[in-house]
Amino acid sequence: MFNQLLVHPLLFIETCFSCLQLMHAVMQRDNSSDLALAVDIWSLGCTIIEMFTGKPPWSEYEGAAAMFKVMRDTPPIPEQLSSEGKDFLRHCFRRNPAERPNALMLLDHRFVKHF
């Protein structure tokens, strides 16, 4: 989804607000490395959804509405994804960052063991 920001009367810059950018903004409030890594895991889940569907989660929302979704909801998991894929994403999207697995744990998940 794109917004146009007026920089000069004749010049527009298009900016794309994706889940990754929104999570980066949230992370700025607390720059502890544990939170940063947990946000990376959340972003990994968003990236998998975007790779699978061609659109980032909540791409139909803009600005504050998108940020509200990130802060309050879990991204919808595509129904067509395998059961292993759905389970992997559920791990990535645990609301409490302290409960999210780290990257090494996710490498042992059956969804990525095939590769």
Protein backbone atom coordinates (compact mmCIF):
# COMPACT_ATOMS: atom_id res chain seq x y z
CA MET A 1 0.00 0.00 0.00
CA PHE A 2 1.40 3.37 -0.88
CA ASN A 3 1.07 6.85 0.51
CA GLN A 4 2.39 9.91 -1.25
CA LEU A 5 4.28 12.45 0.79
CA LEU A 6 4.53 15.96 -0.59
CA VAL A 7 8.19 16.92 -0.45
CA HIS A 8 8.06 19.74 -2.99
CA PRO A 9 5.07 21.07 -4.99
CA LEU A 10 6.30 19.18 -8.05
CA LEU A 11 7.94 16.21 -6.37
CA PHE A 12 6.23 13.30 -4.67
CA ILE A 13 7.86 10.43 -2.86
CA GLU A 14 5.95 7.19 -2.52
CA THR A 15 6.50 5.28 0.67
CA CYS A 16 5.47 1.73 1.32
CA PHE A 17 4.32 0.82 4.79
CA SER A 18 4.88 -2.87 5.38
CA CYS A 19 4.73 -5.00 8.47
CA LEU A 20 8.53 -4.95 8.67
CA GLN A 21 8.65 -1.15 8.73
CA LEU A 22 5.87 -0.94 11.29
CA MET A 23 7.62 -3.40 13.59
CA HIS A 24 10.84 -1.39 13.25
CA ALA A 25 8.95 1.66 14.53
CA VAL A 26 7.64 -0.33 17.48
CA MET A 27 11.12 -1.61 18.25
CA GLN A 28 12.46 1.94 18.48
CA ARG A 29 10.63 2.38 21.79
CA ASP A 30 12.79 -0.31 23.43
CA ASN A 31 16.14 -1.02 21.86
CA SER A 32 17.06 -4.03 24.00
CA SER A 33 18.66 -6.76 21.92
CA ASP A 34 16.19 -9.42 23.13
CA LEU A 35 13.26 -7.36 21.87
CA ALA A 36 15.11 -6.64 18.62
CA LEU A 37 15.58 -10.36 18.02
CA ALA A 38 11.94 -11.11 18.88
CA VAL A 39 10.85 -8.41 16.42
CA ASP A 40 13.05 -10.07 13.79
CA ILE A 41 11.17 -13.34 14.36
CA TRP A 42 7.82 -11.54 14.00
CA SER A 43 9.13 -9.94 10.80
CA LEU A 44 10.23 -13.34 9.51
CA GLY A 45 6.63 -14.53 9.87
CA CYS A 46 5.40 -11.44 7.99
CA THR A 47 7.94 -12.09 5.24
CA ILE A 48 6.80 -15.71 4.87
CA ILE A 49 3.19 -14.54 4.52
CA GLU A 50 4.24 -11.98 1.90
CA MET A 51 6.24 -14.60 -0.02
CA PHE A 52 3.28 -16.98 0.08
CA THR A 53 0.50 -14.51 -0.79
CA GLY A 54 2.35 -11.77 -2.69
CA LYS A 55 1.19 -9.15 -0.16
CA PRO A 56 2.33 -8.22 3.33
CA PRO A 57 -0.10 -8.81 6.18
CA TRP A 58 -2.70 -6.06 6.52
CA SER A 59 -1.73 -4.52 3.19
CA GLU A 60 -5.30 -3.27 2.85
CA TYR A 61 -4.74 -0.86 5.78
CA GLU A 62 -2.81 2.41 5.80
CA GLY A 63 -0.82 4.33 8.39
CA ALA A 64 -2.38 4.34 11.85
CA ALA A 65 -4.88 1.61 10.98
CA ALA A 66 -2.03 -0.71 9.99
CA MET A 67 -0.07 0.15 13.14
CA PHE A 68 -3.16 -0.57 15.24
CA LYS A 69 -3.42 -4.01 13.63
CA VAL A 70 0.23 -4.78 14.36
CA MET A 71 -0.14 -3.69 17.97
CA ARG A 72 -3.38 -5.56 18.66
CA ASP A 73 -3.75 -8.53 16.30
CA THR A 74 -1.87 -11.48 14.94
CA PRO A 75 -1.47 -11.52 11.17
CA PRO A 76 -3.93 -13.83 9.42
CA ILE A 77 -2.27 -17.10 8.48
CA PRO A 78 -3.09 -18.26 4.94
CA GLU A 79 -5.45 -21.24 4.97
CA GLN A 80 -3.63 -22.84 2.01
CA LEU A 81 -0.37 -23.10 3.97
CA SER A 82 0.62 -26.56 5.20
CA SER A 83 -0.08 -27.48 8.81
CA GLU A 84 3.68 -27.28 9.50
CA GLY A 85 3.78 -23.80 7.95
CA LYS A 86 0.83 -22.64 10.03
CA ASP A 87 2.45 -23.96 13.19
CA PHE A 88 5.73 -22.21 12.29
CA LEU A 89 3.92 -18.90 11.83
CA ARG A 90 2.01 -19.33 15.09
CA HIS A 91 5.40 -19.61 16.81
CA CYS A 92 6.65 -16.46 15.03
CA PHE A 93 3.54 -14.49 15.99
CA ARG A 94 3.38 -15.21 19.71
CA ARG A 95 2.17 -11.92 21.20
CA ASN A 96 4.62 -11.97 24.10
CA PRO A 97 8.11 -11.44 22.60
CA ALA A 98 9.66 -13.39 25.50
CA GLU A 99 7.68 -16.47 24.41
CA ARG A 100 8.78 -16.38 20.77
CA PRO A 101 11.41 -18.93 19.78
CA ASN A 102 14.77 -17.67 18.64
CA ALA A 103 16.20 -18.35 15.18
CA LEU A 104 18.11 -21.46 16.28
CA MET A 105 14.93 -22.96 17.72
CA LEU A 106 13.03 -22.22 14.52
CA LEU A 107 15.71 -23.97 12.47
CA ASP A 108 14.68 -27.17 14.28
CA HIS A 109 11.01 -26.71 13.39
CA ARG A 110 9.62 -29.37 11.05
CA PHE A 111 8.53 -26.66 8.56
CA VAL A 112 12.16 -25.79 7.75
CA LYS A 113 13.71 -29.20 8.41
CA HIS A 114 12.69 -30.26 4.87
CA PHE A 115 15.02 -27.69 3.33
